[in-house]
């Protein structure tokens, strides 16, 4: 059981770090310059499955770790659950904003929403390493 816990802990921590890096890359993709609307949409649509995959890996490895610890809810676990719920909600909001922007072909509001969402998500992720 100890080996399983250590394996899933390492997988979880690396997935969290990769998710943070992907959030930063997504921030660059949404805020960077783009030549055409097609390039902007294509970059985001190609990137989103990778982003959401690591988001799901963090969620499932976190719950595996929680199960291996017999569902003991420490302060850091409570914070991570709350942070994950907020980041998940913000991601849904961001995706809906992206769909609306694609339909209306107005990307400036989406870029503003995206900047806010990703900044808050990165802050929540960074704070998770400060909680004991």
C-alpha atoms as a PDB file:
ATOM      1  CA  UNK A   1       0.000   0.000   0.000  1.00  0.00           C
ATOM      2  CA  UNK A   2       2.889   2.354   0.765  1.00  0.00           C
ATOM      3  CA  UNK A   3       4.294   1.838  -2.728  1.00  0.00           C
ATOM      4  CA  UNK A   4       0.901   2.611  -4.287  1.00  0.00           C
ATOM      5  CA  UNK A   5       0.567   5.761  -2.233  1.00  0.00           C
ATOM      6  CA  UNK A   6       4.046   6.957  -3.198  1.00  0.00           C
ATOM      7  CA  UNK A   7       3.400   6.225  -6.872  1.00  0.00           C
ATOM      8  CA  UNK A   8       0.079   8.060  -6.968  1.00  0.00           C
ATOM      9  CA  UNK A   9       1.485  10.936  -4.913  1.00  0.00           C
ATOM     10  CA  UNK A  10       4.304  11.395  -7.431  1.00  0.00           C
ATOM     11  CA  UNK A  11       1.870  11.109 -10.338  1.00  0.00           C
ATOM     12  CA  UNK A  12      -0.447  13.626  -8.696  1.00  0.00           C
ATOM     13  CA  UNK A  13       2.289  16.157  -7.949  1.00  0.00           C
ATOM     14  CA  UNK A  14       3.754  15.933 -11.446  1.00  0.00           C
ATOM     15  CA  UNK A  15       0.279  16.253 -12.936  1.00  0.00           C
ATOM     16  CA  UNK A  16      -0.362  19.353 -10.826  1.00  0.00           C
ATOM     17  CA  UNK A  17       2.904  20.882 -12.025  1.00  0.00           C
ATOM     18  CA  UNK A  18       2.149  20.007 -15.649  1.00  0.00           C
ATOM     19  CA  UNK A  19      -1.346  21.477 -15.240  1.00  0.00           C
ATOM     20  CA  UNK A  20       0.200  24.704 -13.969  1.00  0.00           C
ATOM     21  CA  UNK A  21       2.546  24.821 -16.934  1.00  0.00           C
ATOM     22  CA  UNK A  22      -0.348  24.122 -19.290  1.00  0.00           C
ATOM     23  CA  UNK A  23      -2.369  26.922 -17.684  1.00  0.00           C
ATOM     24  CA  UNK A  24       0.516  29.268 -18.355  1.00  0.00           C
ATOM     25  CA  UNK A  25       0.771  28.071 -21.983  1.00  0.00           C
ATOM     26  CA  UNK A  26      -3.000  28.477 -22.385  1.00  0.00           C
ATOM     27  CA  UNK A  27      -2.697  32.002 -21.009  1.00  0.00           C
ATOM     28  CA  UNK A  28      -0.070  32.751 -23.645  1.00  0.00           C
ATOM     29  CA  UNK A  29      -2.217  31.187 -26.379  1.00  0.00           C
ATOM     30  CA  UNK A  30      -5.280  33.220 -25.490  1.00  0.00           C
ATOM     31  CA  UNK A  31      -3.459  36.496 -24.943  1.00  0.00           C
ATOM     32  CA  UNK A  32      -0.897  36.281 -27.723  1.00  0.00           C
ATOM     33  CA  UNK A  33      -1.137  37.825 -31.156  1.00  0.00           C
ATOM     34  CA  UNK A  34      -2.751  35.834 -33.903  1.00  0.00           C
ATOM     35  CA  UNK A  35      -2.769  36.431 -37.630  1.00  0.00           C
ATOM     36  CA  UNK A  36      -6.241  35.177 -38.393  1.00  0.00           C
ATOM     37  CA  UNK A  37      -9.309  34.162 -36.472  1.00  0.00           C
ATOM     38  CA  UNK A  38      -8.868  30.620 -37.802  1.00  0.00           C
ATOM     39  CA  UNK A  39      -5.361  30.355 -36.289  1.00  0.00           C
ATOM     40  CA  UNK A  40      -6.615  31.592 -32.930  1.00  0.00           C
ATOM     41  CA  UNK A  41      -9.508  29.121 -32.791  1.00  0.00           C
ATOM     42  CA  UNK A  42      -7.418  26.227 -34.097  1.00  0.00           C
ATOM     43  CA  UNK A  43      -4.676  26.741 -31.502  1.00  0.00           C
ATOM     44  CA  UNK A  44      -7.190  26.742 -28.685  1.00  0.00           C
ATOM     45  CA  UNK A  45      -9.186  23.775 -29.989  1.00  0.00           C
ATOM     46  CA  UNK A  46      -6.033  21.675 -30.408  1.00  0.00           C
ATOM     47  CA  UNK A  47      -4.760  22.632 -26.972  1.00  0.00           C
ATOM     48  CA  UNK A  48      -7.928  22.160 -24.879  1.00  0.00           C
ATOM     49  CA  UNK A  49      -8.026  18.325 -24.877  1.00  0.00           C
ATOM     50  CA  UNK A  50      -4.497  18.176 -23.467  1.00  0.00           C
ATOM     51  CA  UNK A  51      -5.350  20.785 -20.856  1.00  0.00           C
ATOM     52  CA  UNK A  52      -8.524  19.005 -19.765  1.00  0.00           C
ATOM     53  CA  UNK A  53      -6.794  15.610 -19.751  1.00  0.00           C
ATOM     54  CA  UNK A  54      -4.278  16.754 -17.146  1.00  0.00           C
ATOM     55  CA  UNK A  55      -7.055  18.467 -15.234  1.00  0.00           C
ATOM     56  CA  UNK A  56      -8.829  15.081 -15.041  1.00  0.00           C
ATOM     57  CA  UNK A  57      -5.630  13.254 -14.068  1.00  0.00           C
ATOM     58  CA  UNK A  58      -5.159  15.647 -11.128  1.00  0.00           C
ATOM     59  CA  UNK A  59      -8.759  15.051 -10.054  1.00  0.00           C
ATOM     60  CA  UNK A  60      -8.600  11.250 -10.209  1.00  0.00           C
ATOM     61  CA  UNK A  61      -5.163  10.863  -8.652  1.00  0.00           C
ATOM     62  CA  UNK A  62      -6.241  13.228  -5.890  1.00  0.00           C
ATOM     63  CA  UNK A  63      -9.241  11.051  -5.109  1.00  0.00           C
ATOM     64  CA  UNK A  64      -7.090   7.913  -5.227  1.00  0.00           C
ATOM     65  CA  UNK A  65      -4.750   9.486  -2.691  1.00  0.00           C
ATOM     66  CA  UNK A  66      -7.716  10.479  -0.560  1.00  0.00           C
ATOM     67  CA  UNK A  67      -8.983   6.893  -0.624  1.00  0.00           C
ATOM     68  CA  UNK A  68      -5.537   5.535   0.249  1.00  0.00           C
ATOM     69  CA  UNK A  69      -5.482   7.895   3.255  1.00  0.00           C
ATOM     70  CA  UNK A  70      -8.899   6.550   4.339  1.00  0.00           C
ATOM     71  CA  UNK A  71     -10.639   9.833   3.508  1.00  0.00           C
ATOM     72  CA  UNK A  72      -8.870  11.888   6.165  1.00  0.00           C
ATOM     73  CA  UNK A  73      -9.650  15.509   5.388  1.00  0.00           C
ATOM     74  CA  UNK A  74      -6.752  17.710   6.415  1.00  0.00           C
ATOM     75  CA  UNK A  75      -6.672  21.442   5.756  1.00  0.00           C
ATOM     76  CA  UNK A  76      -4.614  20.997   2.580  1.00  0.00           C
ATOM     77  CA  UNK A  77      -7.013  18.354   1.243  1.00  0.00           C
ATOM     78  CA  UNK A  78     -10.019  20.591   1.935  1.00  0.00           C
ATOM     79  CA  UNK A  79      -8.267  23.492   0.213  1.00  0.00           C
ATOM     80  CA  UNK A  80      -7.373  21.401  -2.833  1.00  0.00           C
ATOM     81  CA  UNK A  81     -10.941  20.118  -3.149  1.00  0.00           C
ATOM     82  CA  UNK A  82     -12.316  23.640  -2.932  1.00  0.00           C
ATOM     83  CA  UNK A  83      -9.677  24.952  -5.348  1.00  0.00           C
ATOM     84  CA  UNK A  84     -10.411  22.157  -7.814  1.00  0.00           C
ATOM     85  CA  UNK A  85     -14.153  22.872  -7.702  1.00  0.00           C
ATOM     86  CA  UNK A  86     -13.516  26.593  -8.298  1.00  0.00           C
ATOM     87  CA  UNK A  87     -11.049  25.904 -11.135  1.00  0.00           C
ATOM     88  CA  UNK A  88     -13.471  23.422 -12.696  1.00  0.00           C
ATOM     89  CA  UNK A  89     -16.290  25.965 -12.542  1.00  0.00           C
ATOM     90  CA  UNK A  90     -14.066  28.653 -14.018  1.00  0.00           C
ATOM     91  CA  UNK A  91     -13.004  26.301 -16.818  1.00  0.00           C
ATOM     92  CA  UNK A  92     -16.641  25.633 -17.674  1.00  0.00           C
ATOM     93  CA  UNK A  93     -17.301  29.378 -17.680  1.00  0.00           C
ATOM     94  CA  UNK A  94     -14.262  29.942 -19.905  1.00  0.00           C
ATOM     95  CA  UNK A  95     -15.308  27.229 -22.366  1.00  0.00           C
ATOM     96  CA  UNK A  96     -18.823  28.671 -22.624  1.00  0.00           C
ATOM     97  CA  UNK A  97     -17.289  32.095 -23.265  1.00  0.00           C
ATOM     98  CA  UNK A  98     -15.124  30.533 -25.994  1.00  0.00           C
ATOM     99  CA  UNK A  99     -18.173  28.948 -27.641  1.00  0.00           C
ATOM    100  CA  UNK A 100     -20.020  32.291 -27.564  1.00  0.00           C
ATOM    101  CA  UNK A 101     -16.985  34.080 -28.989  1.00  0.00           C
ATOM    102  CA  UNK A 102     -16.739  31.576 -31.831  1.00  0.00           C
ATOM    103  CA  UNK A 103     -20.408  32.010 -32.629  1.00  0.00           C
ATOM    104  CA  UNK A 104     -20.323  35.829 -32.554  1.00  0.00           C
ATOM    105  CA  UNK A 105     -16.758  36.082 -33.939  1.00  0.00           C
ATOM    106  CA  UNK A 106     -15.866  38.587 -31.199  1.00  0.00           C
ATOM    107  CA  UNK A 107     -12.775  37.414 -29.354  1.00  0.00           C
ATOM    108  CA  UNK A 108     -11.857  40.451 -27.239  1.00  0.00           C
ATOM    109  CA  UNK A 109     -14.368  39.644 -24.451  1.00  0.00           C
ATOM    110  CA  UNK A 110     -13.188  36.020 -24.459  1.00  0.00           C
ATOM    111  CA  UNK A 111      -9.584  37.109 -24.110  1.00  0.00           C
ATOM    112  CA  UNK A 112     -10.477  39.247 -21.077  1.00  0.00           C
ATOM    113  CA  UNK A 113     -12.457  36.407 -19.463  1.00  0.00           C
ATOM    114  CA  UNK A 114      -9.685  33.971 -20.255  1.00  0.00           C
ATOM    115  CA  UNK A 115      -7.048  36.194 -18.684  1.00  0.00           C
ATOM    116  CA  UNK A 116      -9.083  36.492 -15.477  1.00  0.00           C
ATOM    117  CA  UNK A 117      -9.916  32.765 -15.294  1.00  0.00           C
ATOM    118  CA  UNK A 118      -6.377  31.582 -15.911  1.00  0.00           C
ATOM    119  CA  UNK A 119      -4.876  34.110 -13.528  1.00  0.00           C
ATOM    120  CA  UNK A 120      -7.235  33.008 -10.726  1.00  0.00           C
ATOM    121  CA  UNK A 121      -6.549  29.337 -11.521  1.00  0.00           C
ATOM    122  CA  UNK A 122      -2.791  29.856 -11.438  1.00  0.00           C
ATOM    123  CA  UNK A 123      -3.111  31.717  -8.133  1.00  0.00           C
ATOM    124  CA  UNK A 124      -5.195  28.908  -6.611  1.00  0.00           C
ATOM    125  CA  UNK A 125      -2.685  26.356  -7.833  1.00  0.00           C
ATOM    126  CA  UNK A 126       0.274  28.327  -6.442  1.00  0.00           C
ATOM    127  CA  UNK A 127      -1.462  28.754  -3.078  1.00  0.00           C
ATOM    128  CA  UNK A 128      -1.977  25.000  -2.839  1.00  0.00           C
ATOM    129  CA  UNK A 129       1.759  24.588  -2.336  1.00  0.00           C
ATOM    130  CA  UNK A 130       1.716  27.062   0.570  1.00  0.00           C
ATOM    131  CA  UNK A 131      -1.010  25.261   2.582  1.00  0.00           C
ATOM    132  CA  UNK A 132       0.556  22.737   5.016  1.00  0.00           C
END
